[in-house]
Amino acid sequence: QVQLVESGGGLVQAGGSLRLSCAASGGTFSSYTMAWFRQAPGKEREFVAAISWSGGSPHYADSVKGRPFTISRDNAKSTMYLQMSSLKPEDTADYYCAARTPYYTSSPLRKDYTYWGQGTQVTVSS
């Protein structure tokens, strides 16, 4: 059983930056493909970014592609990160990390992820 704990959310002004962290325990972190999703008030949870177990070829949602959002992982620390810069009010949401069955490829689909964290809130003020 894998436990995921997000941190790093908070209140930031538009144009600011945040780095979210997702600490994993209870499994072999290096074998899990990891992802970030977000859910804004009144909206469905949506894919943000994913990074495979091998760490190669991160995938980003169209909503953040081309923006200074970077997903990364440190297998030695069993932690995944999402560095977000130039934040906009529309980035306001609860951000969740998720883990997929070992050695599977990245996916933008919620149903493909088995383990989820409790979320961390990001609020971007205008």
Foldseek 3Di string as FASTA:
>chain_A
DKAKAKDWADEAAQQAKIKMKIAMDDDQLLFWKKFKWWDDPPGDIWGAKIAHSPRPDIDGDPVCPPAPWDWGDDSVRRMIMIIHGSDDQVVWTWMKMFIADTPDGDDGDPVRTDDIYPTDTHGYHD
